[in-house]
Amino acid sequence: MAEGLLRALYGDRYDVYSAGTNPTEVSRYTIRVMSEIGIDISNQRSKSLEEFYGEDFDYVVTLCDDMKENCPFFPGGKVYLHKSFRDPADPNIKEEERLKIFRQIRDEIKN
């Protein structure tokens, strides 16, 4: 979501990359809530942090649902920014609530 938003809003000013500790696939919920605001991320793919080791970045933004201290450290970053979000992948969340959480996260990242 963050990669798609930054590319759509500021792709002319920033090179944007995203990765995670356990990449699988881009969630259908993410694709859906992004399409609601006119951003198509259906061609994005989930990437591992290892793809970017050795790269230098001006900013590293961590978006974890856990404490900042438990987020992965990326050695190529100069400035670190962190924001915690509720985990929308919790299996105990019903579909409509899950979509609501994805929308909230999307809107918070955008803001």
N, C-alpha and C. Protein backbone atom coordinates (compact mmCIF):
# COMPACT_ATOMS: atom_id res chain seq x y z
N MET A 1 0.82 -1.18 0.00
CA MET A 1 0.00 0.00 0.00
C MET A 1 0.87 1.25 0.00
N ALA A 2 1.84 1.27 0.88
CA ALA A 2 2.71 2.46 0.98
C ALA A 2 3.46 2.69 -0.33
N GLU A 3 3.98 1.64 -0.91
CA GLU A 3 4.70 1.78 -2.18
C GLU A 3 3.77 2.33 -3.25
N GLY A 4 2.57 1.78 -3.36
CA GLY A 4 1.62 2.23 -4.37
C GLY A 4 1.22 3.69 -4.18
N LEU A 5 0.97 4.07 -2.93
CA LEU A 5 0.60 5.46 -2.64
C LEU A 5 1.74 6.42 -2.97
N LEU A 6 2.94 6.08 -2.53
CA LEU A 6 4.07 6.98 -2.78
C LEU A 6 4.39 7.09 -4.26
N ARG A 7 4.30 5.98 -4.97
CA ARG A 7 4.54 6.04 -6.42
C ARG A 7 3.50 6.91 -7.11
N ALA A 8 2.23 6.75 -6.71
CA ALA A 8 1.15 7.52 -7.34
C ALA A 8 1.23 9.01 -7.00
N LEU A 9 1.56 9.32 -5.75
CA LEU A 9 1.54 10.71 -5.30
C LEU A 9 2.87 11.45 -5.51
N TYR A 10 3.99 10.72 -5.37
CA TYR A 10 5.29 11.38 -5.38
C TYR A 10 6.33 10.65 -6.23
N GLY A 11 5.87 9.83 -7.16
CA GLY A 11 6.79 9.06 -7.99
C GLY A 11 7.74 9.90 -8.81
N ASP A 12 7.37 11.16 -9.02
CA ASP A 12 8.25 12.06 -9.76
C ASP A 12 9.35 12.64 -8.87
N ARG A 13 9.22 12.46 -7.55
CA ARG A 13 10.20 13.02 -6.62
C ARG A 13 11.02 11.97 -5.87
N TYR A 14 10.50 10.75 -5.79
CA TYR A 14 11.17 9.70 -5.02
C TYR A 14 11.22 8.40 -5.80
N ASP A 15 12.28 7.65 -5.60
CA ASP A 15 12.33 6.26 -6.01
C ASP A 15 11.80 5.47 -4.82
N VAL A 16 10.79 4.67 -5.03
CA VAL A 16 10.09 4.01 -3.94
C VAL A 16 10.23 2.50 -4.07
N TYR A 17 10.53 1.86 -2.94
CA TYR A 17 10.64 0.40 -2.87
C TYR A 17 9.96 -0.06 -1.60
N SER A 18 9.45 -1.27 -1.61
CA SER A 18 8.91 -1.83 -0.39
C SER A 18 9.31 -3.29 -0.30
N ALA A 19 9.41 -3.75 0.93
CA ALA A 19 9.80 -5.14 1.18
C ALA A 19 9.34 -5.53 2.58
N GLY A 20 9.31 -6.80 2.81
CA GLY A 20 8.89 -7.29 4.11
C GLY A 20 9.74 -8.45 4.58
N THR A 21 9.52 -8.82 5.82
CA THR A 21 10.29 -9.92 6.40
C THR A 21 9.77 -11.28 5.96
N ASN A 22 8.48 -11.38 5.66
CA ASN A 22 7.88 -12.64 5.23
C ASN A 22 7.00 -12.40 4.00
N PRO A 23 7.61 -12.10 2.85
CA PRO A 23 6.79 -11.80 1.68
C PRO A 23 6.01 -13.01 1.18
N THR A 24 4.78 -12.75 0.78
CA THR A 24 3.96 -13.82 0.21
C THR A 24 3.37 -13.32 -1.10
N GLU A 25 2.27 -12.60 -1.02
CA GLU A 25 1.65 -12.00 -2.20
C GLU A 25 0.97 -10.72 -1.75
N VAL A 26 0.68 -9.85 -2.69
CA VAL A 26 -0.03 -8.62 -2.37
C VAL A 26 -1.47 -9.01 -2.07
N SER A 27 -1.95 -8.61 -0.92
CA SER A 27 -3.29 -8.98 -0.46
C SER A 27 -4.37 -8.46 -1.40
N ARG A 28 -5.37 -9.28 -1.64
CA ARG A 28 -6.51 -8.85 -2.46
C ARG A 28 -7.23 -7.69 -1.80
N TYR A 29 -7.17 -7.60 -0.48
CA TYR A 29 -7.79 -6.48 0.23
C TYR A 29 -7.03 -5.18 -0.07
N THR A 30 -5.71 -5.29 -0.10
CA THR A 30 -4.89 -4.12 -0.41
C THR A 30 -5.20 -3.63 -1.82
N ILE A 31 -5.23 -4.55 -2.76
CA ILE A 31 -5.54 -4.19 -4.15
C ILE A 31 -6.91 -3.54 -4.22
N ARG A 32 -7.87 -4.09 -3.50
CA ARG A 32 -9.24 -3.56 -3.53
C ARG A 32 -9.33 -2.14 -2.96
N VAL A 33 -8.75 -1.93 -1.77
CA VAL A 33 -8.90 -0.60 -1.15
C VAL A 33 -8.08 0.46 -1.89
N MET A 34 -7.01 0.05 -2.53
CA MET A 34 -6.25 1.02 -3.33
C MET A 34 -7.03 1.38 -4.60
N SER A 35 -7.70 0.40 -5.20
CA SER A 35 -8.48 0.70 -6.40
C SER A 35 -9.63 1.65 -6.08
N GLU A 36 -10.11 1.62 -4.84
CA GLU A 36 -11.19 2.52 -4.43
C GLU A 36 -10.77 4.00 -4.52
N ILE A 37 -9.48 4.26 -4.45
CA ILE A 37 -9.00 5.64 -4.57
C ILE A 37 -8.27 5.87 -5.89
N GLY A 38 -8.49 4.96 -6.84
CA GLY A 38 -7.97 5.15 -8.19
C GLY A 38 -6.52 4.76 -8.40
N ILE A 39 -5.97 3.93 -7.51
CA ILE A 39 -4.58 3.50 -7.66
C ILE A 39 -4.56 1.99 -7.90
N ASP A 40 -4.01 1.60 -9.03
CA ASP A 40 -3.92 0.19 -9.41
C ASP A 40 -2.56 -0.37 -8.99
N ILE A 41 -2.58 -1.26 -8.02
CA ILE A 41 -1.33 -1.90 -7.58
C ILE A 41 -1.33 -3.39 -7.91
N SER A 42 -2.21 -3.81 -8.80
CA SER A 42 -2.35 -5.23 -9.11
C SER A 42 -1.09 -5.83 -9.72
N ASN A 43 -0.20 -5.01 -10.26
CA ASN A 43 1.05 -5.53 -10.82
C ASN A 43 2.21 -5.50 -9.84
N GLN A 44 1.98 -4.97 -8.65
CA GLN A 44 3.04 -4.98 -7.64
C GLN A 44 3.25 -6.40 -7.14
N ARG A 45 4.42 -6.65 -6.60
CA ARG A 45 4.69 -7.97 -6.03
C ARG A 45 5.29 -7.80 -4.65
N SER A 46 5.11 -8.80 -3.83
CA SER A 46 5.66 -8.80 -2.49
C SER A 46 7.15 -9.16 -2.59
N LYS A 47 7.99 -8.34 -1.94
CA LYS A 47 9.44 -8.53 -2.03
C LYS A 47 10.05 -8.74 -0.66
N SER A 48 11.16 -9.42 -0.63
CA SER A 48 11.89 -9.68 0.61
C SER A 48 12.93 -8.58 0.85
N LEU A 49 13.21 -8.32 2.12
CA LEU A 49 14.25 -7.36 2.47
C LEU A 49 15.59 -7.71 1.82
N GLU A 50 15.85 -9.01 1.68
CA GLU A 50 17.12 -9.46 1.12
C GLU A 50 17.37 -8.90 -0.28
N GLU A 51 16.32 -8.61 -1.02
CA GLU A 51 16.49 -8.04 -2.37
C GLU A 51 17.20 -6.69 -2.33
N PHE A 52 17.14 -6.01 -1.21
CA PHE A 52 17.66 -4.65 -1.13
C PHE A 52 18.87 -4.50 -0.21
N TYR A 53 19.34 -5.61 0.35
CA TYR A 53 20.54 -5.51 1.19
C TYR A 53 21.71 -5.03 0.35
N GLY A 54 22.49 -4.14 0.92
CA GLY A 54 23.62 -3.56 0.21
C GLY A 54 23.28 -2.24 -0.46
N GLU A 55 21.99 -1.92 -0.55
CA GLU A 55 21.53 -0.65 -1.14
C GLU A 55 21.53 0.43 -0.06
N ASP A 56 21.77 1.65 -0.48
CA ASP A 56 21.68 2.79 0.42
C ASP A 56 20.39 3.54 0.14
N PHE A 57 19.71 3.94 1.21
CA PHE A 57 18.46 4.68 1.08
C PHE A 57 18.50 5.91 1.97
N ASP A 58 17.94 7.00 1.48
CA ASP A 58 17.85 8.20 2.30
C ASP A 58 16.88 8.00 3.46
N TYR A 59 15.77 7.33 3.19
CA TYR A 59 14.75 7.08 4.21
C TYR A 59 14.36 5.61 4.21
N VAL A 60 14.20 5.08 5.41
CA VAL A 60 13.62 3.76 5.59
C VAL A 60 12.42 3.95 6.49
N VAL A 61 11.26 3.56 5.99
CA VAL A 61 10.03 3.71 6.76
C VAL A 61 9.55 2.32 7.13
N THR A 62 9.40 2.07 8.42
CA THR A 62 8.89 0.78 8.87
C THR A 62 7.43 0.95 9.27
N LEU A 63 6.62 0.02 8.80
CA LEU A 63 5.18 0.03 9.07
C LEU A 63 4.82 -1.30 9.70
N CYS A 64 5.10 -1.43 10.97
CA CYS A 64 4.87 -2.69 11.68
C CYS A 64 3.67 -2.57 12.59
N ASP A 65 3.07 -3.70 12.90
CA ASP A 65 1.97 -3.69 13.85
C ASP A 65 2.48 -3.90 15.27
N ASP A 66 3.77 -4.03 15.41
CA ASP A 66 4.40 -4.31 16.69
C ASP A 66 5.19 -3.09 17.14
N MET A 67 5.84 -3.20 18.24
CA MET A 67 6.67 -2.11 18.73
C MET A 67 7.81 -1.84 17.74
N LYS A 68 8.20 -0.60 17.64
CA LYS A 68 9.25 -0.19 16.71
C LYS A 68 10.52 -1.01 16.89
N GLU A 69 10.82 -1.34 18.12
CA GLU A 69 12.04 -2.08 18.42
C GLU A 69 12.03 -3.49 17.82
N ASN A 70 10.85 -4.02 17.52
CA ASN A 70 10.74 -5.37 16.96
C ASN A 70 10.70 -5.38 15.43
N CYS A 71 10.70 -4.22 14.81
CA CYS A 71 10.72 -4.15 13.35
C CYS A 71 12.13 -4.48 12.85
N PRO A 72 12.24 -4.97 11.64
CA PRO A 72 13.57 -5.30 11.12
C PRO A 72 14.41 -4.05 10.92
N PHE A 73 15.71 -4.21 11.11
CA PHE A 73 16.66 -3.13 10.88
C PHE A 73 17.17 -3.25 9.46
N PHE A 74 17.22 -2.15 8.75
CA PHE A 74 17.72 -2.16 7.39
C PHE A 74 18.99 -1.33 7.36
N PRO A 75 20.15 -1.97 7.20
CA PRO A 75 21.42 -1.28 7.35
C PRO A 75 21.71 -0.20 6.31
N GLY A 76 20.99 -0.17 5.21
CA GLY A 76 21.28 0.81 4.16
C GLY A 76 20.58 2.15 4.34
N GLY A 77 19.86 2.33 5.45
CA GLY A 77 19.08 3.55 5.63
C GLY A 77 19.81 4.66 6.37
N LYS A 78 19.55 5.89 5.97
CA LYS A 78 20.14 7.06 6.64
C LYS A 78 19.21 7.62 7.70
N VAL A 79 17.92 7.73 7.37
CA VAL A 79 16.92 8.25 8.30
C VAL A 79 15.82 7.20 8.43
N TYR A 80 15.44 6.90 9.66
CA TYR A 80 14.40 5.91 9.92
C TYR A 80 13.14 6.59 10.43
N LEU A 81 12.01 6.21 9.88
CA LEU A 81 10.70 6.67 10.33
C LEU A 81 9.87 5.44 10.62
N HIS A 82 9.03 5.52 11.65
CA HIS A 82 8.23 4.35 12.01
C HIS A 82 6.78 4.74 12.30
N LYS A 83 5.87 3.85 11.91
CA LYS A 83 4.46 3.99 12.22
C LYS A 83 3.89 2.60 12.48
N SER A 84 3.19 2.45 13.59
CA SER A 84 2.55 1.17 13.92
C SER A 84 1.12 1.15 13.40
N PHE A 85 0.72 -0.02 12.93
CA PHE A 85 -0.64 -0.23 12.46
C PHE A 85 -1.17 -1.55 13.03
N ARG A 86 -2.46 -1.62 13.19
CA ARG A 86 -3.10 -2.87 13.58
C ARG A 86 -2.91 -3.88 12.44
N ASP A 87 -2.74 -5.13 12.78
CA ASP A 87 -2.54 -6.16 11.76
C ASP A 87 -3.88 -6.57 11.15
N PRO A 88 -4.12 -6.22 9.89
CA PRO A 88 -5.40 -6.58 9.27
C PRO A 88 -5.48 -8.04 8.86
N ALA A 89 -4.38 -8.77 8.98
CA ALA A 89 -4.37 -10.18 8.58
C ALA A 89 -4.82 -11.10 9.71
N ASP A 90 -5.15 -10.56 10.87
CA ASP A 90 -5.62 -11.37 12.00
C ASP A 90 -6.77 -12.26 11.54
N PRO A 91 -6.64 -13.59 11.68
CA PRO A 91 -7.68 -14.50 11.18
C PRO A 91 -9.00 -14.39 11.93
N ASN A 92 -9.02 -13.73 13.07
CA ASN A 92 -10.25 -13.61 13.85
C ASN A 92 -11.11 -12.41 13.43
N ILE A 93 -10.64 -11.65 12.45
CA ILE A 93 -11.37 -10.47 11.99
C ILE A 93 -12.30 -10.86 10.84
N LYS A 94 -13.54 -10.41 10.92
CA LYS A 94 -14.51 -10.67 9.85
C LYS A 94 -14.21 -9.79 8.65
N GLU A 95 -14.71 -10.21 7.48
CA GLU A 95 -14.37 -9.55 6.21
C GLU A 95 -14.64 -8.04 6.20
N GLU A 96 -15.81 -7.61 6.61
CA GLU A 96 -16.13 -6.18 6.55
C GLU A 96 -15.23 -5.39 7.50
N GLU A 97 -14.94 -5.94 8.66
CA GLU A 97 -14.02 -5.28 9.60
C GLU A 97 -12.61 -5.23 9.01
N ARG A 98 -12.21 -6.30 8.35
CA ARG A 98 -10.89 -6.35 7.72
C ARG A 98 -10.77 -5.25 6.67
N LEU A 99 -11.78 -5.09 5.83
CA LEU A 99 -11.77 -4.03 4.82
C LEU A 99 -11.70 -2.66 5.48
N LYS A 100 -12.42 -2.48 6.56
CA LYS A 100 -12.40 -1.21 7.30
C LYS A 100 -10.99 -0.91 7.80
N ILE A 101 -10.31 -1.93 8.32
CA ILE A 101 -8.93 -1.74 8.82
C ILE A 101 -8.00 -1.41 7.66
N PHE A 102 -8.12 -2.13 6.55
CA PHE A 102 -7.28 -1.83 5.38
C PHE A 102 -7.50 -0.40 4.91
N ARG A 103 -8.75 0.05 4.90
CA ARG A 103 -9.04 1.43 4.49
C ARG A 103 -8.43 2.44 5.47
N GLN A 104 -8.52 2.15 6.76
CA GLN A 104 -7.94 3.04 7.76
C GLN A 104 -6.43 3.15 7.58
N ILE A 105 -5.79 2.00 7.37
CA ILE A 105 -4.33 2.00 7.17
C ILE A 105 -3.98 2.78 5.91
N ARG A 106 -4.70 2.53 4.82
CA ARG A 106 -4.46 3.26 3.57
C ARG A 106 -4.56 4.76 3.81
N ASP A 107 -5.61 5.18 4.48
CA ASP A 107 -5.82 6.61 4.70
C ASP A 107 -4.77 7.22 5.63
N GLU A 108 -4.34 6.47 6.63
CA GLU A 108 -3.29 6.97 7.53
C GLU A 108 -1.97 7.11 6.79
N ILE A 109 -1.64 6.13 5.96
CA ILE A 109 -0.40 6.22 5.17
C ILE A 109 -0.47 7.41 4.24
N LYS A 110 -1.61 7.58 3.60
CA LYS A 110 -1.77 8.71 2.66
C LYS A 110 -1.59 10.05 3.36
N ASN A 111 -2.17 10.16 4.56
CA ASN A 111 -2.05 11.41 5.32
C ASN A 111 -0.64 11.62 5.83
